[in-house]
Amino acid sequence: MPVDYPYVVSNNKIGPILSKIEKAAKPGRFSQEFLKNLGFGASNDRAVIPLLRRLGFLNDSGAPTEYYDQLKDATRHKTVLGDRIKALYSDLFTLNTEIQKANESEIKGAISRITGKDETSVSRYYATFKTLVSLAKFDGESVAPLKDVEVPEGGAGEAATGDIKPRASTASFHYNIQLHLPATTDVSVYNAIFKSLRDSLLLE
């Protein structure tokens, strides 16, 4: 099913607003009035509220979430923004785990395929996505380092390697498995992958 992404017409306001959020006291509810008090009272500025909601910094009623608290932490600000971008645009990061580094044509093409929207909408989505990406930190976040581990019955991760040996003493096979897992927050997907791998390779 096609999805849509949030966009802000005044993308140049996103950075300053996030900077103000980091310094201002946390409100009970992030309202248009609070945004105005931060110095952003233009009608186009209001679109940042649903954007913050889609990113998970506000709940449905507009109250700040735990991610909002991390956004106010100077040591976590850019990293949590990167994490929330990857969650909101998970379909894009499934196509390319480093989509934030891709060129305009590739990103717009991916957005078009995922959303099914027209060129104007795709351009708006792209502009907001690129603005957010420019304000976030993704270093070391896209794919976990590969290392030798035993494949568990269930677990989550971007990538992993494992040495799997058959249980039966009569066999002497040795497998070196390298997995490139899809980017998803649904743990059941990883559980199913590992269970299928175990059932296929391990001897009863």
C-alpha atoms as a PDB file:
ATOM      1  CA  MET A   1       0.000   0.000   0.000  1.00  0.00           C
ATOM      2  CA  PRO A   2       1.451   3.399  -0.971  1.00  0.00           C
ATOM      3  CA  VAL A   3       2.546   5.599   1.910  1.00  0.00           C
ATOM      4  CA  ASP A   4       3.001   9.316   2.268  1.00  0.00           C
ATOM      5  CA  TYR A   5       5.663  11.367   3.985  1.00  0.00           C
ATOM      6  CA  PRO A   6       5.348  14.668   5.826  1.00  0.00           C
ATOM      7  CA  TYR A   7       6.746  17.806   4.289  1.00  0.00           C
ATOM      8  CA  VAL A   8       7.356  21.399   5.308  1.00  0.00           C
ATOM      9  CA  VAL A   9       7.197  24.235   2.788  1.00  0.00           C
ATOM     10  CA  SER A  10       9.653  26.359   4.777  1.00  0.00           C
ATOM     11  CA  ASN A  11      12.351  23.717   5.148  1.00  0.00           C
ATOM     12  CA  ASN A  12      14.862  26.389   6.125  1.00  0.00           C
ATOM     13  CA  LYS A  13      12.948  26.775   9.400  1.00  0.00           C
ATOM     14  CA  ILE A  14      13.394  23.159  10.528  1.00  0.00           C
ATOM     15  CA  GLY A  15      16.965  23.624  11.758  1.00  0.00           C
ATOM     16  CA  PRO A  16      16.272  26.815  13.731  1.00  0.00           C
ATOM     17  CA  ILE A  17      13.151  25.275  15.286  1.00  0.00           C
ATOM     18  CA  LEU A  18      15.047  22.170  16.394  1.00  0.00           C
ATOM     19  CA  SER A  19      17.745  24.421  17.818  1.00  0.00           C
ATOM     20  CA  LYS A  20      15.137  26.352  19.808  1.00  0.00           C
ATOM     21  CA  ILE A  21      13.632  23.094  21.074  1.00  0.00           C
ATOM     22  CA  GLU A  22      17.021  22.055  22.418  1.00  0.00           C
ATOM     23  CA  LYS A  23      17.291  25.238  24.484  1.00  0.00           C
ATOM     24  CA  ALA A  24      13.674  25.924  25.501  1.00  0.00           C
ATOM     25  CA  ALA A  25      11.865  24.364  28.457  1.00  0.00           C
ATOM     26  CA  LYS A  26       9.801  21.308  27.539  1.00  0.00           C
ATOM     27  CA  PRO A  27       6.115  22.202  27.178  1.00  0.00           C
ATOM     28  CA  GLY A  28       3.236  20.096  28.424  1.00  0.00           C
ATOM     29  CA  ARG A  29       1.904  20.248  24.884  1.00  0.00           C
ATOM     30  CA  PHE A  30       3.693  21.413  21.744  1.00  0.00           C
ATOM     31  CA  SER A  31       1.001  23.730  20.382  1.00  0.00           C
ATOM     32  CA  GLN A  32       0.915  26.423  17.707  1.00  0.00           C
ATOM     33  CA  GLU A  33       1.060  28.953  20.543  1.00  0.00           C
ATOM     34  CA  PHE A  34       4.230  27.352  21.917  1.00  0.00           C
ATOM     35  CA  LEU A  35       5.742  27.394  18.428  1.00  0.00           C
ATOM     36  CA  LYS A  36       4.831  31.071  18.137  1.00  0.00           C
ATOM     37  CA  ASN A  37       6.503  31.757  21.487  1.00  0.00           C
ATOM     38  CA  LEU A  38       9.666  30.165  20.088  1.00  0.00           C
ATOM     39  CA  GLY A  39       9.585  32.832  17.390  1.00  0.00           C
ATOM     40  CA  PHE A  40       7.910  30.902  14.574  1.00  0.00           C
ATOM     41  CA  GLY A  41       4.422  32.290  14.077  1.00  0.00           C
ATOM     42  CA  ALA A  42       4.088  32.090  10.283  1.00  0.00           C
ATOM     43  CA  SER A  43       1.364  29.822   8.941  1.00  0.00           C
ATOM     44  CA  ASN A  44       3.898  27.697   7.035  1.00  0.00           C
ATOM     45  CA  ASP A  45       5.830  27.103  10.261  1.00  0.00           C
ATOM     46  CA  ARG A  46       2.913  25.138  11.714  1.00  0.00           C
ATOM     47  CA  ALA A  47       3.668  22.184   9.437  1.00  0.00           C
ATOM     48  CA  VAL A  48       6.621  21.356  11.690  1.00  0.00           C
ATOM     49  CA  ILE A  49       4.195  20.120  14.372  1.00  0.00           C
ATOM     50  CA  PRO A  50       2.842  17.156  12.354  1.00  0.00           C
ATOM     51  CA  LEU A  51       6.423  16.545  11.190  1.00  0.00           C
ATOM     52  CA  LEU A  52       7.601  16.257  14.809  1.00  0.00           C
ATOM     53  CA  ARG A  53       4.643  13.978  15.482  1.00  0.00           C
ATOM     54  CA  ARG A  54       5.501  11.677  12.572  1.00  0.00           C
ATOM     55  CA  LEU A  55       9.126  11.579  13.747  1.00  0.00           C
ATOM     56  CA  GLY A  56       7.938  10.408  17.165  1.00  0.00           C
ATOM     57  CA  PHE A  57       8.981  13.484  19.133  1.00  0.00           C
ATOM     58  CA  LEU A  58       5.336  14.261  19.961  1.00  0.00           C
ATOM     59  CA  ASN A  59       2.441  11.922  20.659  1.00  0.00           C
ATOM     60  CA  ASP A  60      -0.967  12.215  19.005  1.00  0.00           C
ATOM     61  CA  SER A  61      -2.107  14.865  21.493  1.00  0.00           C
ATOM     62  CA  GLY A  62       1.034  16.940  20.950  1.00  0.00           C
ATOM     63  CA  ALA A  63       2.743  16.048  24.220  1.00  0.00           C
ATOM     64  CA  PRO A  64       6.534  15.562  24.058  1.00  0.00           C
ATOM     65  CA  THR A  65       7.758  11.952  24.150  1.00  0.00           C
ATOM     66  CA  GLU A  66      10.960  10.424  25.519  1.00  0.00           C
ATOM     67  CA  TYR A  67      12.553  11.061  22.115  1.00  0.00           C
ATOM     68  CA  TYR A  68      11.836  14.766  22.619  1.00  0.00           C
ATOM     69  CA  ASP A  69      13.868  14.616  25.834  1.00  0.00           C
ATOM     70  CA  GLN A  70      16.769  13.110  23.880  1.00  0.00           C
ATOM     71  CA  LEU A  71      16.363  15.819  21.250  1.00  0.00           C
ATOM     72  CA  LYS A  72      16.981  18.385  23.995  1.00  0.00           C
ATOM     73  CA  ASP A  73      20.187  16.607  25.012  1.00  0.00           C
ATOM     74  CA  ALA A  74      23.071  18.203  23.102  1.00  0.00           C
ATOM     75  CA  THR A  75      25.022  14.923  23.212  1.00  0.00           C
ATOM     76  CA  ARG A  76      22.102  12.977  21.687  1.00  0.00           C
ATOM     77  CA  HIS A  77      20.397  15.609  19.536  1.00  0.00           C
ATOM     78  CA  LYS A  78      21.778  14.647  16.120  1.00  0.00           C
ATOM     79  CA  THR A  79      21.887  10.920  16.804  1.00  0.00           C
ATOM     80  CA  VAL A  80      18.279  10.613  17.967  1.00  0.00           C
ATOM     81  CA  LEU A  81      17.200  12.685  14.972  1.00  0.00           C
ATOM     82  CA  GLY A  82      19.015  10.228  12.717  1.00  0.00           C
ATOM     83  CA  ASP A  83      17.345   7.305  14.487  1.00  0.00           C
ATOM     84  CA  ARG A  84      13.883   8.807  14.098  1.00  0.00           C
ATOM     85  CA  ILE A  85      14.510   9.640  10.439  1.00  0.00           C
ATOM     86  CA  LYS A  86      15.377   5.992   9.824  1.00  0.00           C
ATOM     87  CA  ALA A  87      12.163   4.944  11.582  1.00  0.00           C
ATOM     88  CA  LEU A  88       9.923   7.363   9.683  1.00  0.00           C
ATOM     89  CA  TYR A  89      11.533   6.632   6.317  1.00  0.00           C
ATOM     90  CA  SER A  90      12.066   2.929   6.987  1.00  0.00           C
ATOM     91  CA  ASP A  91      10.853   1.987   3.493  1.00  0.00           C
ATOM     92  CA  LEU A  92      13.567   4.158   1.939  1.00  0.00           C
ATOM     93  CA  PHE A  93      16.257   2.675   4.185  1.00  0.00           C
ATOM     94  CA  THR A  94      15.037  -0.818   3.292  1.00  0.00           C
ATOM     95  CA  LEU A  95      15.843  -0.080  -0.353  1.00  0.00           C
ATOM     96  CA  ASN A  96      19.217   1.439   0.542  1.00  0.00           C
ATOM     97  CA  THR A  97      20.622   1.362   4.082  1.00  0.00           C
ATOM     98  CA  GLU A  98      22.567   4.529   3.294  1.00  0.00           C
ATOM     99  CA  ILE A  99      19.870   6.292   1.298  1.00  0.00           C
ATOM    100  CA  GLN A 100      20.804   9.553   3.039  1.00  0.00           C
ATOM    101  CA  LYS A 101      24.026   9.527   1.000  1.00  0.00           C
ATOM    102  CA  ALA A 102      22.350   8.795  -2.341  1.00  0.00           C
ATOM    103  CA  ASN A 103      21.991  11.390  -5.081  1.00  0.00           C
ATOM    104  CA  GLU A 104      18.812  13.342  -5.739  1.00  0.00           C
ATOM    105  CA  SER A 105      17.705  11.176  -8.649  1.00  0.00           C
ATOM    106  CA  GLU A 106      18.004   7.924  -6.676  1.00  0.00           C
ATOM    107  CA  ILE A 107      16.207   9.290  -3.619  1.00  0.00           C
ATOM    108  CA  LYS A 108      13.381  10.809  -5.647  1.00  0.00           C
ATOM    109  CA  GLY A 109      13.030   7.583  -7.607  1.00  0.00           C
ATOM    110  CA  ALA A 110      12.736   5.595  -4.383  1.00  0.00           C
ATOM    111  CA  ILE A 111      10.199   8.043  -2.931  1.00  0.00           C
ATOM    112  CA  SER A 112       8.158   7.886  -6.134  1.00  0.00           C
ATOM    113  CA  ARG A 113       8.048   4.075  -6.116  1.00  0.00           C
ATOM    114  CA  ILE A 114       7.106   3.898  -2.437  1.00  0.00           C
ATOM    115  CA  THR A 115       4.490   6.659  -2.368  1.00  0.00           C
ATOM    116  CA  GLY A 116       3.119   6.546  -5.898  1.00  0.00           C
ATOM    117  CA  LYS A 117       2.785  10.335  -5.747  1.00  0.00           C
ATOM    118  CA  ASP A 118       3.205  12.893  -8.522  1.00  0.00           C
ATOM    119  CA  GLU A 119       6.407  14.793  -9.234  1.00  0.00           C
ATOM    120  CA  THR A 120       5.384  17.833  -7.176  1.00  0.00           C
ATOM    121  CA  SER A 121       4.669  15.776  -4.062  1.00  0.00           C
ATOM    122  CA  VAL A 122       7.855  13.750  -4.504  1.00  0.00           C
ATOM    123  CA  SER A 123       9.894  16.959  -4.720  1.00  0.00           C
ATOM    124  CA  ARG A 124       8.312  18.232  -1.499  1.00  0.00           C
ATOM    125  CA  TYR A 125       8.989  14.967   0.321  1.00  0.00           C
ATOM    126  CA  TYR A 126      12.561  14.978  -0.957  1.00  0.00           C
ATOM    127  CA  ALA A 127      13.253  18.554   0.156  1.00  0.00           C
ATOM    128  CA  THR A 128      12.104  17.860   3.718  1.00  0.00           C
ATOM    129  CA  PHE A 129      13.942  14.525   3.853  1.00  0.00           C
ATOM    130  CA  LYS A 130      17.218  16.103   2.717  1.00  0.00           C
ATOM    131  CA  THR A 131      16.829  18.970   5.185  1.00  0.00           C
ATOM    132  CA  LEU A 132      16.325  16.535   8.060  1.00  0.00           C
ATOM    133  CA  VAL A 133      19.260  14.405   6.914  1.00  0.00           C
ATOM    134  CA  SER A 134      21.538  17.450   6.855  1.00  0.00           C
ATOM    135  CA  LEU A 135      20.739  18.070  10.531  1.00  0.00           C
ATOM    136  CA  ALA A 136      21.195  14.482  11.726  1.00  0.00           C
ATOM    137  CA  LYS A 137      24.015  12.053  12.415  1.00  0.00           C
ATOM    138  CA  PHE A 138      24.062   8.618  10.793  1.00  0.00           C
ATOM    139  CA  ASP A 139      27.717   7.604  11.213  1.00  0.00           C
ATOM    140  CA  GLY A 140      27.872   3.969  12.316  1.00  0.00           C
ATOM    141  CA  GLU A 141      24.086   3.780  12.545  1.00  0.00           C
ATOM    142  CA  SER A 142      23.134   2.261   9.200  1.00  0.00           C
ATOM    143  CA  VAL A 143      24.706  -1.181   9.485  1.00  0.00           C
ATOM    144  CA  ALA A 144      26.078  -2.900  12.573  1.00  0.00           C
ATOM    145  CA  PRO A 145      29.703  -4.131  12.333  1.00  0.00           C
ATOM    146  CA  LEU A 146      30.053  -7.702  11.109  1.00  0.00           C
ATOM    147  CA  LYS A 147      31.452 -10.133  13.646  1.00  0.00           C
ATOM    148  CA  ASP A 148      31.474 -13.871  14.283  1.00  0.00           C
ATOM    149  CA  VAL A 149      28.605 -14.849  16.555  1.00  0.00           C
ATOM    150  CA  GLU A 150      26.437 -17.868  17.138  1.00  0.00           C
ATOM    151  CA  VAL A 151      23.102 -17.427  15.429  1.00  0.00           C
ATOM    152  CA  PRO A 152      20.427 -17.305  18.177  1.00  0.00           C
ATOM    153  CA  GLU A 153      16.905 -18.643  17.902  1.00  0.00           C
ATOM    154  CA  GLY A 154      15.610 -15.106  17.536  1.00  0.00           C
ATOM    155  CA  GLY A 155      17.061 -11.620  17.552  1.00  0.00           C
ATOM    156  CA  ALA A 156      17.377  -8.352  15.712  1.00  0.00           C
ATOM    157  CA  GLY A 157      20.169  -6.539  13.917  1.00  0.00           C
ATOM    158  CA  GLU A 158      21.149  -5.029  10.606  1.00  0.00           C
ATOM    159  CA  ALA A 159      23.821  -7.545   9.719  1.00  0.00           C
ATOM    160  CA  ALA A 160      25.541 -10.461  11.369  1.00  0.00           C
ATOM    161  CA  THR A 161      27.775 -13.398  10.661  1.00  0.00           C
ATOM    162  CA  GLY A 162      27.637 -16.750  12.372  1.00  0.00           C
ATOM    163  CA  ASP A 163      29.466 -20.033  12.496  1.00  0.00           C
ATOM    164  CA  ILE A 164      26.822 -22.770  12.580  1.00  0.00           C
ATOM    165  CA  LYS A 165      27.747 -26.395  13.202  1.00  0.00           C
ATOM    166  CA  PRO A 166      25.410 -29.388  12.884  1.00  0.00           C
ATOM    167  CA  ARG A 167      24.317 -31.039  16.112  1.00  0.00           C
ATOM    168  CA  ALA A 168      24.848 -34.606  14.958  1.00  0.00           C
ATOM    169  CA  SER A 169      28.287 -35.991  15.759  1.00  0.00           C
ATOM    170  CA  THR A 170      28.337 -37.995  12.513  1.00  0.00           C
ATOM    171  CA  ALA A 171      28.530 -34.864  10.386  1.00  0.00           C
ATOM    172  CA  SER A 172      31.529 -32.602  10.125  1.00  0.00           C
ATOM    173  CA  PHE A 173      30.136 -29.786   8.030  1.00  0.00           C
ATOM    174  CA  HIS A 174      30.995 -26.210   8.909  1.00  0.00           C
ATOM    175  CA  TYR A 175      28.998 -23.248   7.643  1.00  0.00           C
ATOM    176  CA  ASN A 176      30.054 -19.611   7.620  1.00  0.00           C
ATOM    177  CA  ILE A 177      26.841 -17.658   7.212  1.00  0.00           C
ATOM    178  CA  GLN A 178      26.691 -13.950   6.440  1.00  0.00           C
ATOM    179  CA  LEU A 179      23.284 -12.327   6.676  1.00  0.00           C
ATOM    180  CA  HIS A 180      22.185  -8.944   5.370  1.00  0.00           C
ATOM    181  CA  LEU A 181      18.921  -8.389   7.164  1.00  0.00           C
ATOM    182  CA  PRO A 182      16.185  -5.961   6.110  1.00  0.00           C
ATOM    183  CA  ALA A 183      15.836  -2.733   8.069  1.00  0.00           C
ATOM    184  CA  THR A 184      12.685  -3.121  10.160  1.00  0.00           C
ATOM    185  CA  THR A 185      11.482  -2.529  13.693  1.00  0.00           C
ATOM    186  CA  ASP A 186       9.363  -5.707  13.609  1.00  0.00           C
ATOM    187  CA  VAL A 187      11.294  -8.277  15.669  1.00  0.00           C
ATOM    188  CA  SER A 188       9.094 -11.093  14.341  1.00  0.00           C
ATOM    189  CA  VAL A 189      10.686 -10.645  10.904  1.00  0.00           C
ATOM    190  CA  TYR A 190      14.142 -11.423  12.327  1.00  0.00           C
ATOM    191  CA  ASN A 191      12.762 -14.291  14.420  1.00  0.00           C
ATOM    192  CA  ALA A 192      11.268 -15.865  11.307  1.00  0.00           C
ATOM    193  CA  ILE A 193      14.527 -15.491   9.366  1.00  0.00           C
ATOM    194  CA  PHE A 194      16.663 -17.076  12.082  1.00  0.00           C
ATOM    195  CA  LYS A 195      14.136 -19.876  12.699  1.00  0.00           C
ATOM    196  CA  SER A 196      14.045 -20.717   8.997  1.00  0.00           C
ATOM    197  CA  LEU A 197      17.851 -20.687   8.861  1.00  0.00           C
ATOM    198  CA  ARG A 198      18.118 -22.954  11.897  1.00  0.00           C
ATOM    199  CA  ASP A 199      15.501 -25.407  10.619  1.00  0.00           C
ATOM    200  CA  SER A 200      17.196 -25.601   7.209  1.00  0.00           C
ATOM    201  CA  LEU A 201      20.797 -26.051   8.327  1.00  0.00           C
ATOM    202  CA  LEU A 202      20.858 -27.692  11.727  1.00  0.00           C
ATOM    203  CA  LEU A 203      20.446 -31.438  11.866  1.00  0.00           C
ATOM    204  CA  GLU A 204      17.969 -32.811  14.359  1.00  0.00           C
END
